[in-house]
Amino acid sequence: MTLRLTRNEIQLLKELAAAGERGRVMRPLTSSARSAIANLMSAQYIKRRQHTRLYVITERGREALVETTAEQG
């Protein structure tokens, strides 16, 4: 599944890429943030670490981020 990423989704992927393997806690306060996280998870671009509140970017997510930024540049 390939998504056409929104600005919000791109920003979330960038934040997770910067967090590295450790990941980061995502606190979706808005419905658009919750929707972005759900979309990225369904596309397997991010995953939630088991038994934690941490999210990490997957290799597939990194590839999508590179492709998207290349298209924009």
Protein backbone atom coordinates (compact mmCIF):
# COMPACT_ATOMS: atom_id res chain seq x y z
CA MET A 1 0.00 0.00 0.00
CA THR A 2 1.44 3.37 -1.05
CA LEU A 3 0.03 6.56 0.37
CA ARG A 4 0.04 10.07 -0.92
CA LEU A 5 1.37 11.67 2.24
CA THR A 6 -0.10 14.80 3.75
CA ARG A 7 2.06 17.51 5.31
CA ASN A 8 1.08 16.26 8.75
CA GLU A 9 2.08 12.69 7.88
CA ILE A 10 5.39 13.84 6.41
CA GLN A 11 6.12 15.83 9.56
CA LEU A 12 5.33 12.79 11.75
CA LEU A 13 7.64 10.60 9.66
CA LYS A 14 10.43 13.19 9.92
CA GLU A 15 10.03 13.35 13.69
CA LEU A 16 10.14 9.57 13.99
CA ALA A 17 13.14 9.34 11.67
CA ALA A 18 14.96 11.86 13.86
CA ALA A 19 14.07 9.86 16.99
CA GLY A 20 15.87 6.83 15.55
CA GLU A 21 15.49 3.30 16.87
CA ARG A 22 14.42 4.54 20.27
CA GLY A 23 11.25 6.02 18.81
CA ARG A 24 9.09 8.61 20.47
CA VAL A 25 5.81 8.95 22.27
CA MET A 26 3.10 10.32 20.04
CA ARG A 27 0.42 12.28 21.80
CA PRO A 28 -2.28 12.80 19.21
CA LEU A 29 -4.39 15.53 20.68
CA THR A 30 -6.30 16.27 17.50
CA SER A 31 -8.39 14.03 15.32
CA SER A 32 -6.16 14.85 12.33
CA ALA A 33 -3.09 13.63 14.22
CA ARG A 34 -4.87 10.42 15.23
CA SER A 35 -5.94 9.95 11.63
CA ALA A 36 -2.38 10.51 10.36
CA ILE A 37 -1.00 7.95 12.80
CA ALA A 38 -3.67 5.43 11.82
CA ASN A 39 -2.95 5.96 8.10
CA LEU A 40 0.80 5.58 8.57
CA MET A 41 0.32 2.44 10.64
CA SER A 42 -2.05 0.88 8.09
CA ALA A 43 0.55 1.51 5.36
CA GLN A 44 3.20 -0.02 7.63
CA TYR A 45 5.24 3.19 7.59
CA ILE A 46 5.30 3.31 11.38
CA LYS A 47 4.74 0.81 14.13
CA ARG A 48 4.09 0.93 17.83
CA ARG A 49 6.57 -0.84 20.05
CA GLN A 50 4.90 -3.66 21.90
CA HIS A 51 3.87 -2.87 25.48
CA THR A 52 4.94 0.78 25.17
CA ARG A 53 3.58 4.09 23.96
CA LEU A 54 6.56 4.53 21.62
CA TYR A 55 6.22 4.71 17.85
CA VAL A 56 9.07 4.06 15.43
CA ILE A 57 9.46 4.57 11.70
CA THR A 58 9.88 1.41 9.62
CA GLU A 59 12.21 0.90 6.68
CA ARG A 60 9.17 1.21 4.43
CA GLY A 61 8.39 4.55 6.09
CA ARG A 62 11.94 5.77 5.54
CA GLU A 63 11.68 4.87 1.86
CA ALA A 64 8.37 6.69 1.53
CA LEU A 65 9.84 9.76 3.22
CA VAL A 66 12.82 9.79 0.83
CA GLU A 67 10.54 9.40 -2.20
CA THR A 68 8.19 12.13 -1.02
CA THR A 69 10.94 14.63 -0.26
CA ALA A 70 12.59 13.86 -3.61
CA GLU A 71 9.30 14.60 -5.41
CA GLN A 72 8.92 17.89 -3.57
CA GLY A 73 12.50 19.03 -4.13
